Amino acid sequence: MREMAKNLGLDLLVGLLYAKGSTHRVGEPVKGITRLEKLVFLALEEGGFKKAKVDYSYKPYELGPYSKEVIDYLEALKQAKLVKADVEEFDSHRDVLDAVAALGSVEAAGEPGKVEVYSLTERGLQVGERVFR
C-alpha cells in the first residue's frame, strides 16, 4: 500500500468511499460508476482537493464528467482488496444508462438490470480512516 499512498488520485478515491454519506455512516457504498465519477469530479472542482487534479483528466461526456482514471484507480483498489463491487438490481433505467455511458458499451456495463455498488472492504476501511484523517 506504500506505493498507492503517493498517488493523490487513489487517496482521494479511498477517502471519498470512506467519508460519511447521506445516511451519515462512514464507508457508505456508492451506487454506480457515474455517481462515483461525479463525486470525484466535484471533490476536485469544489471540495478543496485541487492538488489531486494532476491524477485525473476529465472530459465532458453524455451524462456528466468522465475520467478513465477513476475506473483505472477503482480496478487497482479492487486488485489490492481495498474496494469491492457488489451487484444489485437497479432502481431505474438511469443506473444502466449511467454505466453504459461511463464504461463505453453495453457489454462493459455488465448484466442488464444490474448496477455495481462500490464500497471499502474491512482492510479498505482501515486504510480509508488513515487517508481521511
N, C-alpha and C. Protein backbone atom coordinates (compact mmCIF):
# COMPACT_ATOMS: atom_id res chain seq x y z
N MET A 1 0.83 -1.20 0.00
CA MET A 1 0.00 0.00 0.00
C MET A 1 0.86 1.25 0.00
N ARG A 2 2.12 1.12 0.36
CA ARG A 2 3.01 2.28 0.42
C ARG A 2 3.05 3.01 -0.92
N GLU A 3 3.08 2.28 -2.05
CA GLU A 3 3.12 2.92 -3.37
C GLU A 3 1.85 3.71 -3.64
N MET A 4 0.69 3.17 -3.24
CA MET A 4 -0.56 3.85 -3.51
C MET A 4 -0.68 5.15 -2.73
N ALA A 5 -0.08 5.22 -1.56
CA ALA A 5 -0.21 6.41 -0.72
C ALA A 5 0.40 7.63 -1.40
N LYS A 6 1.31 7.45 -2.35
CA LYS A 6 1.95 8.56 -3.04
C LYS A 6 1.06 9.13 -4.14
N ASN A 7 0.00 8.46 -4.47
CA ASN A 7 -0.89 8.90 -5.53
C ASN A 7 -2.10 9.59 -4.92
N LEU A 8 -2.19 10.90 -5.09
CA LEU A 8 -3.29 11.66 -4.52
C LEU A 8 -4.64 11.23 -5.11
N GLY A 9 -4.63 10.81 -6.38
CA GLY A 9 -5.87 10.35 -7.01
C GLY A 9 -6.44 9.12 -6.32
N LEU A 10 -5.58 8.17 -6.00
CA LEU A 10 -6.02 6.97 -5.27
C LEU A 10 -6.47 7.33 -3.86
N ASP A 11 -5.70 8.19 -3.22
CA ASP A 11 -6.07 8.62 -1.86
C ASP A 11 -7.44 9.29 -1.86
N LEU A 12 -7.69 10.14 -2.86
CA LEU A 12 -8.97 10.83 -2.93
C LEU A 12 -10.11 9.83 -3.09
N LEU A 13 -9.93 8.84 -3.95
CA LEU A 13 -10.98 7.84 -4.17
C LEU A 13 -11.25 7.04 -2.89
N VAL A 14 -10.21 6.62 -2.21
CA VAL A 14 -10.38 5.89 -0.95
C VAL A 14 -11.06 6.79 0.09
N GLY A 15 -10.62 8.04 0.16
CA GLY A 15 -11.21 8.98 1.11
C GLY A 15 -12.69 9.22 0.85
N LEU A 16 -13.07 9.32 -0.41
CA LEU A 16 -14.49 9.52 -0.75
C LEU A 16 -15.32 8.30 -0.39
N LEU A 17 -14.78 7.12 -0.62
CA LEU A 17 -15.51 5.90 -0.27
C LEU A 17 -15.59 5.71 1.25
N TYR A 18 -14.67 6.32 1.98
CA TYR A 18 -14.69 6.24 3.44
C TYR A 18 -15.63 7.28 4.06
N ALA A 19 -15.72 8.45 3.44
CA ALA A 19 -16.48 9.57 4.01
C ALA A 19 -17.93 9.21 4.26
N LYS A 20 -18.53 9.90 5.24
CA LYS A 20 -19.94 9.69 5.55
C LYS A 20 -20.79 10.10 4.35
N GLY A 21 -21.82 9.31 4.10
CA GLY A 21 -22.74 9.58 3.01
C GLY A 21 -24.04 10.16 3.51
N SER A 22 -25.09 9.97 2.73
CA SER A 22 -26.39 10.57 3.06
C SER A 22 -27.00 10.01 4.34
N THR A 23 -26.62 8.80 4.74
CA THR A 23 -27.15 8.24 5.99
C THR A 23 -26.21 8.50 7.17
N HIS A 24 -25.16 9.29 6.91
CA HIS A 24 -24.18 9.69 7.94
C HIS A 24 -23.39 8.51 8.50
N ARG A 25 -23.24 7.45 7.69
CA ARG A 25 -22.42 6.30 8.06
C ARG A 25 -21.07 6.40 7.37
N VAL A 26 -20.01 6.07 8.07
CA VAL A 26 -18.68 6.00 7.47
C VAL A 26 -18.65 4.81 6.51
N GLY A 27 -18.04 4.99 5.37
CA GLY A 27 -17.89 3.90 4.42
C GLY A 27 -19.16 3.53 3.68
N GLU A 28 -20.07 4.45 3.58
CA GLU A 28 -21.33 4.18 2.89
C GLU A 28 -21.08 3.86 1.41
N PRO A 29 -21.68 2.80 0.89
CA PRO A 29 -21.45 2.42 -0.51
C PRO A 29 -21.91 3.50 -1.50
N VAL A 30 -21.26 3.50 -2.66
CA VAL A 30 -21.62 4.41 -3.75
C VAL A 30 -22.19 3.55 -4.87
N LYS A 31 -23.40 3.89 -5.29
CA LYS A 31 -24.11 3.09 -6.28
C LYS A 31 -23.89 3.63 -7.68
N GLY A 32 -23.18 2.86 -8.48
CA GLY A 32 -22.98 3.19 -9.89
C GLY A 32 -21.71 3.97 -10.17
N ILE A 33 -21.10 3.65 -11.32
CA ILE A 33 -19.83 4.27 -11.71
C ILE A 33 -20.01 5.75 -12.03
N THR A 34 -21.14 6.13 -12.60
CA THR A 34 -21.33 7.54 -12.94
C THR A 34 -21.43 8.40 -11.69
N ARG A 35 -22.10 7.90 -10.69
CA ARG A 35 -22.18 8.63 -9.42
C ARG A 35 -20.79 8.81 -8.82
N LEU A 36 -19.98 7.76 -8.88
CA LEU A 36 -18.63 7.84 -8.34
C LEU A 36 -17.79 8.83 -9.15
N GLU A 37 -17.92 8.79 -10.47
CA GLU A 37 -17.22 9.75 -11.35
C GLU A 37 -17.57 11.18 -10.95
N LYS A 38 -18.85 11.43 -10.73
CA LYS A 38 -19.31 12.78 -10.39
C LYS A 38 -18.83 13.21 -9.01
N LEU A 39 -18.80 12.28 -8.05
CA LEU A 39 -18.30 12.61 -6.72
C LEU A 39 -16.83 13.02 -6.76
N VAL A 40 -16.03 12.27 -7.51
CA VAL A 40 -14.61 12.62 -7.63
C VAL A 40 -14.47 13.98 -8.30
N PHE A 41 -15.20 14.20 -9.38
CA PHE A 41 -15.15 15.47 -10.09
C PHE A 41 -15.50 16.64 -9.17
N LEU A 42 -16.58 16.51 -8.42
CA LEU A 42 -16.99 17.58 -7.51
C LEU A 42 -15.96 17.81 -6.40
N ALA A 43 -15.36 16.74 -5.91
CA ALA A 43 -14.32 16.88 -4.88
C ALA A 43 -13.13 17.66 -5.44
N LEU A 44 -12.77 17.39 -6.69
CA LEU A 44 -11.65 18.09 -7.32
C LEU A 44 -11.97 19.55 -7.60
N GLU A 45 -13.17 19.80 -8.08
CA GLU A 45 -13.55 21.15 -8.50
C GLU A 45 -14.03 22.04 -7.37
N GLU A 46 -14.75 21.47 -6.42
CA GLU A 46 -15.38 22.31 -5.40
C GLU A 46 -15.08 21.87 -3.97
N GLY A 47 -14.42 20.74 -3.81
CA GLY A 47 -14.23 20.19 -2.47
C GLY A 47 -12.88 20.46 -1.85
N GLY A 48 -12.04 21.26 -2.50
CA GLY A 48 -10.75 21.58 -1.91
C GLY A 48 -9.66 20.55 -2.17
N PHE A 49 -9.84 19.71 -3.17
CA PHE A 49 -8.84 18.67 -3.46
C PHE A 49 -8.14 18.93 -4.79
N LYS A 50 -7.88 20.20 -5.09
CA LYS A 50 -7.29 20.58 -6.37
C LYS A 50 -5.92 19.95 -6.61
N LYS A 51 -5.17 19.65 -5.54
CA LYS A 51 -3.85 19.03 -5.71
C LYS A 51 -3.95 17.68 -6.40
N ALA A 52 -5.06 16.98 -6.20
CA ALA A 52 -5.23 15.65 -6.81
C ALA A 52 -5.64 15.73 -8.27
N LYS A 53 -5.91 16.93 -8.79
CA LYS A 53 -6.34 17.08 -10.19
C LYS A 53 -5.31 16.54 -11.17
N VAL A 54 -4.04 16.57 -10.79
CA VAL A 54 -2.99 16.09 -11.69
C VAL A 54 -3.14 14.59 -11.99
N ASP A 55 -3.85 13.87 -11.12
CA ASP A 55 -4.01 12.42 -11.30
C ASP A 55 -5.27 12.05 -12.08
N TYR A 56 -6.03 13.04 -12.50
CA TYR A 56 -7.28 12.79 -13.25
C TYR A 56 -7.32 13.69 -14.48
N SER A 57 -7.83 13.16 -15.58
CA SER A 57 -8.10 14.01 -16.75
C SER A 57 -9.58 13.80 -17.10
N TYR A 58 -10.37 14.80 -16.78
CA TYR A 58 -11.82 14.74 -17.02
C TYR A 58 -12.17 15.32 -18.37
N LYS A 59 -13.19 14.72 -18.99
CA LYS A 59 -13.75 15.21 -20.25
C LYS A 59 -15.26 15.28 -20.09
N PRO A 60 -15.89 16.21 -20.79
CA PRO A 60 -17.36 16.21 -20.78
C PRO A 60 -17.85 14.94 -21.47
N TYR A 61 -18.92 14.38 -20.94
CA TYR A 61 -19.48 13.17 -21.53
C TYR A 61 -21.00 13.27 -21.49
N GLU A 62 -21.67 12.32 -22.07
CA GLU A 62 -23.13 12.37 -22.21
C GLU A 62 -23.86 12.60 -20.90
N LEU A 63 -23.46 11.93 -19.83
CA LEU A 63 -24.16 12.04 -18.56
C LEU A 63 -23.34 12.77 -17.50
N GLY A 64 -22.37 13.56 -17.94
CA GLY A 64 -21.58 14.33 -17.00
C GLY A 64 -20.10 14.11 -17.22
N PRO A 65 -19.28 14.58 -16.29
CA PRO A 65 -17.83 14.48 -16.43
C PRO A 65 -17.36 13.02 -16.37
N TYR A 66 -16.33 12.72 -17.17
CA TYR A 66 -15.81 11.34 -17.24
C TYR A 66 -14.29 11.38 -17.18
N SER A 67 -13.72 10.50 -16.37
CA SER A 67 -12.28 10.32 -16.30
C SER A 67 -11.97 8.83 -16.28
N LYS A 68 -11.19 8.37 -17.24
CA LYS A 68 -10.79 6.97 -17.30
C LYS A 68 -10.00 6.59 -16.04
N GLU A 69 -9.34 7.55 -15.44
CA GLU A 69 -8.53 7.27 -14.25
C GLU A 69 -9.39 6.77 -13.08
N VAL A 70 -10.62 7.26 -12.97
CA VAL A 70 -11.48 6.77 -11.89
C VAL A 70 -11.64 5.26 -12.01
N ILE A 71 -11.90 4.79 -13.22
CA ILE A 71 -12.08 3.36 -13.47
C ILE A 71 -10.76 2.61 -13.24
N ASP A 72 -9.66 3.17 -13.72
CA ASP A 72 -8.36 2.53 -13.53
C ASP A 72 -8.00 2.43 -12.04
N TYR A 73 -8.20 3.52 -11.30
CA TYR A 73 -7.89 3.51 -9.87
C TYR A 73 -8.81 2.56 -9.13
N LEU A 74 -10.05 2.53 -9.52
CA LEU A 74 -11.02 1.62 -8.90
C LEU A 74 -10.57 0.17 -9.10
N GLU A 75 -10.12 -0.16 -10.29
CA GLU A 75 -9.62 -1.52 -10.57
C GLU A 75 -8.38 -1.83 -9.72
N ALA A 76 -7.49 -0.85 -9.60
CA ALA A 76 -6.28 -1.06 -8.78
C ALA A 76 -6.67 -1.30 -7.32
N LEU A 77 -7.64 -0.55 -6.83
CA LEU A 77 -8.09 -0.73 -5.44
C LEU A 77 -8.80 -2.06 -5.24
N LYS A 78 -9.50 -2.53 -6.26
CA LYS A 78 -10.12 -3.86 -6.19
C LYS A 78 -9.04 -4.94 -6.15
N GLN A 79 -8.02 -4.79 -7.00
CA GLN A 79 -6.92 -5.76 -7.03
C GLN A 79 -6.18 -5.79 -5.69
N ALA A 80 -6.08 -4.65 -5.04
CA ALA A 80 -5.41 -4.57 -3.74
C ALA A 80 -6.32 -5.00 -2.59
N LYS A 81 -7.54 -5.41 -2.93
CA LYS A 81 -8.52 -5.88 -1.95
C LYS A 81 -8.93 -4.79 -0.95
N LEU A 82 -8.93 -3.53 -1.43
CA LEU A 82 -9.37 -2.41 -0.61
C LEU A 82 -10.80 -2.00 -0.94
N VAL A 83 -11.22 -2.31 -2.16
CA VAL A 83 -12.57 -1.96 -2.62
C VAL A 83 -13.22 -3.21 -3.18
N LYS A 84 -14.53 -3.32 -2.94
CA LYS A 84 -15.30 -4.41 -3.54
C LYS A 84 -16.46 -3.79 -4.33
N ALA A 85 -16.89 -4.52 -5.31
CA ALA A 85 -18.02 -4.08 -6.13
C ALA A 85 -19.08 -5.17 -6.08
N ASP A 86 -20.18 -4.87 -5.40
CA ASP A 86 -21.31 -5.79 -5.35
C ASP A 86 -22.27 -5.40 -6.46
N VAL A 87 -23.07 -6.35 -6.89
CA VAL A 87 -24.04 -6.10 -7.95
C VAL A 87 -25.44 -6.14 -7.36
N GLU A 88 -26.23 -5.11 -7.67
CA GLU A 88 -27.61 -5.01 -7.19
C GLU A 88 -28.54 -4.79 -8.37
N GLU A 89 -29.82 -5.07 -8.12
CA GLU A 89 -30.84 -4.70 -9.09
C GLU A 89 -30.86 -3.18 -9.18
N PHE A 90 -31.02 -2.63 -10.38
CA PHE A 90 -31.04 -1.18 -10.49
C PHE A 90 -32.42 -0.64 -10.11
N ASP A 91 -32.39 0.59 -9.59
CA ASP A 91 -33.63 1.25 -9.20
C ASP A 91 -34.33 1.88 -10.39
N SER A 92 -33.56 2.26 -11.38
CA SER A 92 -34.14 2.93 -12.54
C SER A 92 -33.30 2.61 -13.77
N HIS A 93 -33.84 2.90 -14.92
CA HIS A 93 -33.08 2.70 -16.15
C HIS A 93 -31.89 3.64 -16.23
N ARG A 94 -31.95 4.72 -15.49
CA ARG A 94 -30.85 5.68 -15.48
C ARG A 94 -29.56 5.03 -14.97
N ASP A 95 -29.67 4.13 -13.98
CA ASP A 95 -28.48 3.43 -13.48
C ASP A 95 -27.78 2.67 -14.60
N VAL A 96 -28.54 2.01 -15.44
CA VAL A 96 -27.98 1.26 -16.55
C VAL A 96 -27.38 2.21 -17.58
N LEU A 97 -28.10 3.27 -17.91
CA LEU A 97 -27.59 4.25 -18.88
C LEU A 97 -26.31 4.90 -18.37
N ASP A 98 -26.26 5.19 -17.08
CA ASP A 98 -25.06 5.75 -16.48
C ASP A 98 -23.87 4.81 -16.67
N ALA A 99 -24.07 3.54 -16.41
CA ALA A 99 -22.99 2.56 -16.54
C ALA A 99 -22.54 2.44 -17.99
N VAL A 100 -23.47 2.41 -18.92
CA VAL A 100 -23.13 2.32 -20.34
C VAL A 100 -22.33 3.55 -20.75
N ALA A 101 -22.77 4.73 -20.33
CA ALA A 101 -22.07 5.97 -20.69
C ALA A 101 -20.67 6.01 -20.09
N ALA A 102 -20.53 5.61 -18.84
CA ALA A 102 -19.24 5.68 -18.17
C ALA A 102 -18.26 4.65 -18.70
N LEU A 103 -18.75 3.47 -19.04
CA LEU A 103 -17.86 2.38 -19.44
C LEU A 103 -17.74 2.21 -20.95
N GLY A 104 -18.59 2.90 -21.71
CA GLY A 104 -18.41 2.94 -23.15
C GLY A 104 -19.19 1.94 -23.97
N SER A 105 -19.78 0.93 -23.35
CA SER A 105 -20.55 -0.04 -24.14
C SER A 105 -21.52 -0.79 -23.24
N VAL A 106 -22.52 -1.37 -23.88
CA VAL A 106 -23.49 -2.18 -23.14
C VAL A 106 -22.80 -3.39 -22.52
N GLU A 107 -21.88 -4.01 -23.26
CA GLU A 107 -21.18 -5.19 -22.77
C GLU A 107 -20.36 -4.87 -21.52
N ALA A 108 -19.67 -3.73 -21.53
CA ALA A 108 -18.83 -3.36 -20.39
C ALA A 108 -19.67 -3.01 -19.17
N ALA A 109 -20.91 -2.59 -19.39
CA ALA A 109 -21.78 -2.18 -18.27
C ALA A 109 -22.23 -3.36 -17.43
N GLY A 110 -22.06 -4.57 -17.93
CA GLY A 110 -22.43 -5.74 -17.14
C GLY A 110 -23.83 -6.23 -17.43
N GLU A 111 -24.32 -7.02 -16.52
CA GLU A 111 -25.61 -7.68 -16.68
C GLU A 111 -26.76 -6.66 -16.73
N PRO A 112 -27.63 -6.77 -17.74
CA PRO A 112 -28.76 -5.82 -17.82
C PRO A 112 -29.61 -5.88 -16.55
N GLY A 113 -30.06 -4.72 -16.11
CA GLY A 113 -30.90 -4.66 -14.91
C GLY A 113 -30.11 -4.67 -13.62
N LYS A 114 -28.78 -4.62 -13.72
CA LYS A 114 -27.92 -4.66 -12.53
C LYS A 114 -27.01 -3.44 -12.53
N VAL A 115 -26.60 -3.03 -11.34
CA VAL A 115 -25.67 -1.92 -11.19
C VAL A 115 -24.63 -2.29 -10.14
N GLU A 116 -23.38 -1.85 -10.36
CA GLU A 116 -22.34 -2.12 -9.37
C GLU A 116 -22.42 -1.11 -8.25
N VAL A 117 -22.21 -1.59 -7.03
CA VAL A 117 -22.20 -0.75 -5.84
C VAL A 117 -20.82 -0.90 -5.22
N TYR A 118 -20.11 0.23 -5.08
CA TYR A 118 -18.72 0.22 -4.63
C TYR A 118 -18.64 0.55 -3.15
N SER A 119 -17.83 -0.24 -2.44
CA SER A 119 -17.61 0.02 -1.01
C SER A 119 -16.22 -0.47 -0.62
N LEU A 120 -15.76 0.00 0.51
CA LEU A 120 -14.47 -0.42 1.02
C LEU A 120 -14.60 -1.76 1.74
N THR A 121 -13.59 -2.59 1.61
CA THR A 121 -13.51 -3.83 2.37
C THR A 121 -13.10 -3.47 3.80
N GLU A 122 -13.00 -4.46 4.68
CA GLU A 122 -12.53 -4.19 6.05
C GLU A 122 -11.14 -3.54 6.02
N ARG A 123 -10.28 -4.11 5.21
CA ARG A 123 -8.93 -3.54 5.08
C ARG A 123 -9.01 -2.13 4.48
N GLY A 124 -9.90 -1.96 3.51
CA GLY A 124 -10.09 -0.66 2.89
C GLY A 124 -10.58 0.39 3.88
N LEU A 125 -11.44 -0.02 4.81
CA LEU A 125 -11.92 0.90 5.84
C LEU A 125 -10.77 1.37 6.73
N GLN A 126 -9.85 0.46 7.04
CA GLN A 126 -8.69 0.83 7.86
C GLN A 126 -7.82 1.84 7.13
N VAL A 127 -7.56 1.56 5.84
CA VAL A 127 -6.76 2.48 5.03
C VAL A 127 -7.51 3.79 4.85
N GLY A 128 -8.81 3.70 4.61
CA GLY A 128 -9.64 4.89 4.42
C GLY A 128 -9.61 5.80 5.62
N GLU A 129 -9.64 5.22 6.81
CA GLU A 129 -9.59 6.03 8.03
C GLU A 129 -8.29 6.83 8.10
N ARG A 130 -7.17 6.18 7.77
CA ARG A 130 -5.88 6.88 7.78
C ARG A 130 -5.83 7.98 6.71
N VAL A 131 -6.32 7.65 5.52
CA VAL A 131 -6.33 8.63 4.42
C VAL A 131 -7.23 9.80 4.75
N PHE A 132 -8.41 9.50 5.31
CA PHE A 132 -9.39 10.53 5.60
C PHE A 132 -8.87 11.54 6.63
N ARG A 133 -8.09 11.04 7.58
CA ARG A 133 -7.52 11.94 8.59
C ARG A 133 -6.50 12.83 7.94
